[in-house]
């Protein structure tokens, strides 16, 4: 259903980044979801909870105790050099969190980060 909503070309989607599109329904602070979704079954989260979305990523940058790898795992896609929700989440994955499957959540982090 999320993919159908996301790709339905709703007027609300025009001009939004992919992450902003996700947050139309999944933002914790939103009280009324769009397109008549049942608010009791839509997972909600704060846009800043786990990882920032939208910043330009530069290989080698050091941020929050971790360095961005010189070469990212090719399964983790950047959008105009930006981390977006779809960098780590894959709508077609049947896992509860819809994470890109790199074997473990830790491996997902290590796809972009080197910790010192």
C-alpha atoms as a PDB file:
ATOM      1  CA  UNK A   1       0.000   0.000   0.000  1.00  0.00           C
ATOM      2  CA  UNK A   2       2.828   2.457   0.800  1.00  0.00           C
ATOM      3  CA  UNK A   3       4.329   2.010  -2.662  1.00  0.00           C
ATOM      4  CA  UNK A   4       0.905   2.553  -4.254  1.00  0.00           C
ATOM      5  CA  UNK A   5       0.433   5.761  -2.267  1.00  0.00           C
ATOM      6  CA  UNK A   6       3.960   6.957  -2.942  1.00  0.00           C
ATOM      7  CA  UNK A   7       3.671   6.351  -6.680  1.00  0.00           C
ATOM      8  CA  UNK A   8       0.079   7.524  -7.105  1.00  0.00           C
ATOM      9  CA  UNK A   9       1.250  11.012  -8.175  1.00  0.00           C
ATOM     10  CA  UNK A  10      -0.733  12.766  -5.482  1.00  0.00           C
ATOM     11  CA  UNK A  11      -0.613  16.560  -5.679  1.00  0.00           C
ATOM     12  CA  UNK A  12       0.951  16.499  -2.187  1.00  0.00           C
ATOM     13  CA  UNK A  13       4.034  14.726  -3.635  1.00  0.00           C
ATOM     14  CA  UNK A  14       4.954  17.367  -6.215  1.00  0.00           C
ATOM     15  CA  UNK A  15       8.244  19.047  -5.410  1.00  0.00           C
ATOM     16  CA  UNK A  16       9.030  16.879  -2.371  1.00  0.00           C
ATOM     17  CA  UNK A  17      12.182  14.857  -1.802  1.00  0.00           C
ATOM     18  CA  UNK A  18      11.646  11.128  -1.413  1.00  0.00           C
ATOM     19  CA  UNK A  19      12.072  11.473   2.368  1.00  0.00           C
ATOM     20  CA  UNK A  20       9.565  14.311   2.565  1.00  0.00           C
ATOM     21  CA  UNK A  21       7.157  12.027   0.703  1.00  0.00           C
ATOM     22  CA  UNK A  22       7.667   9.307   3.306  1.00  0.00           C
ATOM     23  CA  UNK A  23       7.145  11.772   6.133  1.00  0.00           C
ATOM     24  CA  UNK A  24       3.756  12.846   4.758  1.00  0.00           C
ATOM     25  CA  UNK A  25       2.410   9.734   6.461  1.00  0.00           C
ATOM     26  CA  UNK A  26       5.172   8.669   8.823  1.00  0.00           C
ATOM     27  CA  UNK A  27       6.033  11.890  10.665  1.00  0.00           C
ATOM     28  CA  UNK A  28       5.407  11.520  14.372  1.00  0.00           C
ATOM     29  CA  UNK A  29       4.021  15.043  14.662  1.00  0.00           C
ATOM     30  CA  UNK A  30       1.400  14.612  11.912  1.00  0.00           C
ATOM     31  CA  UNK A  31      -2.062  14.150  13.376  1.00  0.00           C
ATOM     32  CA  UNK A  32      -4.066  13.484  10.190  1.00  0.00           C
ATOM     33  CA  UNK A  33      -2.534  11.228   7.548  1.00  0.00           C
ATOM     34  CA  UNK A  34      -3.181  11.898   3.868  1.00  0.00           C
ATOM     35  CA  UNK A  35      -5.275   9.749   1.522  1.00  0.00           C
ATOM     36  CA  UNK A  36      -7.539   8.409   4.254  1.00  0.00           C
ATOM     37  CA  UNK A  37      -4.987   6.120   5.850  1.00  0.00           C
ATOM     38  CA  UNK A  38      -5.942   4.648   9.197  1.00  0.00           C
ATOM     39  CA  UNK A  39      -3.737   6.490  11.756  1.00  0.00           C
ATOM     40  CA  UNK A  40      -3.873   3.504  14.104  1.00  0.00           C
ATOM     41  CA  UNK A  41      -1.868   1.256  11.745  1.00  0.00           C
ATOM     42  CA  UNK A  42       0.649   3.667  10.183  1.00  0.00           C
ATOM     43  CA  UNK A  43       4.059   3.447  11.880  1.00  0.00           C
ATOM     44  CA  UNK A  44       5.144   6.935  12.902  1.00  0.00           C
ATOM     45  CA  UNK A  45       8.548   8.283  13.826  1.00  0.00           C
ATOM     46  CA  UNK A  46      10.291  11.562  14.330  1.00  0.00           C
ATOM     47  CA  UNK A  47      12.246  12.617  11.259  1.00  0.00           C
ATOM     48  CA  UNK A  48      15.349  13.073  13.396  1.00  0.00           C
ATOM     49  CA  UNK A  49      15.096   9.916  15.501  1.00  0.00           C
ATOM     50  CA  UNK A  50      17.781   7.612  14.123  1.00  0.00           C
ATOM     51  CA  UNK A  51      19.602   9.260  11.269  1.00  0.00           C
ATOM     52  CA  UNK A  52      19.505  12.665   9.653  1.00  0.00           C
ATOM     53  CA  UNK A  53      17.990  12.774   6.199  1.00  0.00           C
ATOM     54  CA  UNK A  54      18.833  15.239   3.492  1.00  0.00           C
ATOM     55  CA  UNK A  55      22.425  16.257   4.305  1.00  0.00           C
ATOM     56  CA  UNK A  56      24.948  16.132   1.484  1.00  0.00           C
ATOM     57  CA  UNK A  57      27.367  13.297   2.171  1.00  0.00           C
ATOM     58  CA  UNK A  58      31.029  13.679   1.281  1.00  0.00           C
ATOM     59  CA  UNK A  59      33.311  10.669   1.500  1.00  0.00           C
ATOM     60  CA  UNK A  60      35.912  11.065   4.195  1.00  0.00           C
ATOM     61  CA  UNK A  61      33.848  13.543   6.253  1.00  0.00           C
ATOM     62  CA  UNK A  62      33.990  12.914   9.996  1.00  0.00           C
ATOM     63  CA  UNK A  63      30.676  13.303  11.814  1.00  0.00           C
ATOM     64  CA  UNK A  64      29.423  12.143  15.234  1.00  0.00           C
ATOM     65  CA  UNK A  65      32.343   9.803  15.883  1.00  0.00           C
ATOM     66  CA  UNK A  66      32.257   8.153  12.465  1.00  0.00           C
ATOM     67  CA  UNK A  67      33.899   8.776   9.132  1.00  0.00           C
ATOM     68  CA  UNK A  68      31.992   8.424   5.851  1.00  0.00           C
ATOM     69  CA  UNK A  69      33.670   5.669   3.827  1.00  0.00           C
ATOM     70  CA  UNK A  70      35.565   6.582   0.677  1.00  0.00           C
ATOM     71  CA  UNK A  71      33.467   3.970  -1.175  1.00  0.00           C
ATOM     72  CA  UNK A  72      29.939   3.277   0.062  1.00  0.00           C
ATOM     73  CA  UNK A  73      28.313  -0.127  -0.256  1.00  0.00           C
ATOM     74  CA  UNK A  74      26.664  -0.005  -3.702  1.00  0.00           C
ATOM     75  CA  UNK A  75      23.389  -1.310  -2.253  1.00  0.00           C
ATOM     76  CA  UNK A  76      23.033   1.955  -0.304  1.00  0.00           C
ATOM     77  CA  UNK A  77      21.929   4.576  -2.778  1.00  0.00           C
ATOM     78  CA  UNK A  78      22.397   8.314  -2.328  1.00  0.00           C
ATOM     79  CA  UNK A  79      20.038  10.766  -4.011  1.00  0.00           C
ATOM     80  CA  UNK A  80      21.923  13.783  -5.370  1.00  0.00           C
ATOM     81  CA  UNK A  81      24.641  12.864  -2.814  1.00  0.00           C
ATOM     82  CA  UNK A  82      22.068  13.001  -0.018  1.00  0.00           C
ATOM     83  CA  UNK A  83      20.931  10.405   2.481  1.00  0.00           C
ATOM     84  CA  UNK A  84      17.199   9.878   2.095  1.00  0.00           C
ATOM     85  CA  UNK A  85      14.835   7.362   3.694  1.00  0.00           C
ATOM     86  CA  UNK A  86      15.273   5.073   0.679  1.00  0.00           C
ATOM     87  CA  UNK A  87      19.025   4.942   1.229  1.00  0.00           C
ATOM     88  CA  UNK A  88      18.464   2.496   4.105  1.00  0.00           C
ATOM     89  CA  UNK A  89      14.837   1.429   3.630  1.00  0.00           C
ATOM     90  CA  UNK A  90      13.515  -0.702   0.797  1.00  0.00           C
ATOM     91  CA  UNK A  91       9.747  -0.915   0.310  1.00  0.00           C
ATOM     92  CA  UNK A  92      10.001  -4.362  -1.287  1.00  0.00           C
ATOM     93  CA  UNK A  93      11.766  -5.913   1.731  1.00  0.00           C
ATOM     94  CA  UNK A  94       9.276  -7.888   3.811  1.00  0.00           C
ATOM     95  CA  UNK A  95      11.278  -7.335   7.018  1.00  0.00           C
ATOM     96  CA  UNK A  96       9.390  -5.349   9.664  1.00  0.00           C
ATOM     97  CA  UNK A  97      11.680  -2.312   9.320  1.00  0.00           C
ATOM     98  CA  UNK A  98      12.051  -2.626   5.537  1.00  0.00           C
ATOM     99  CA  UNK A  99      15.832  -2.197   5.807  1.00  0.00           C
ATOM    100  CA  UNK A 100      18.157  -2.787   2.871  1.00  0.00           C
ATOM    101  CA  UNK A 101      19.458  -6.290   3.595  1.00  0.00           C
ATOM    102  CA  UNK A 102      23.171  -6.179   4.341  1.00  0.00           C
ATOM    103  CA  UNK A 103      22.947  -8.993   6.887  1.00  0.00           C
ATOM    104  CA  UNK A 104      22.426  -6.996  10.084  1.00  0.00           C
ATOM    105  CA  UNK A 105      21.604  -3.467  11.264  1.00  0.00           C
ATOM    106  CA  UNK A 106      25.274  -3.044  12.185  1.00  0.00           C
ATOM    107  CA  UNK A 107      26.353  -4.024   8.665  1.00  0.00           C
ATOM    108  CA  UNK A 108      23.894  -1.464   7.322  1.00  0.00           C
ATOM    109  CA  UNK A 109      25.651   1.275   9.309  1.00  0.00           C
ATOM    110  CA  UNK A 110      29.064   0.004   8.218  1.00  0.00           C
ATOM    111  CA  UNK A 111      27.970   0.272   4.589  1.00  0.00           C
ATOM    112  CA  UNK A 112      28.554   4.036   4.922  1.00  0.00           C
ATOM    113  CA  UNK A 113      30.469   4.560   8.176  1.00  0.00           C
ATOM    114  CA  UNK A 114      33.914   3.711   9.508  1.00  0.00           C
ATOM    115  CA  UNK A 115      34.196   4.022  13.270  1.00  0.00           C
ATOM    116  CA  UNK A 116      37.489   5.030  14.886  1.00  0.00           C
END
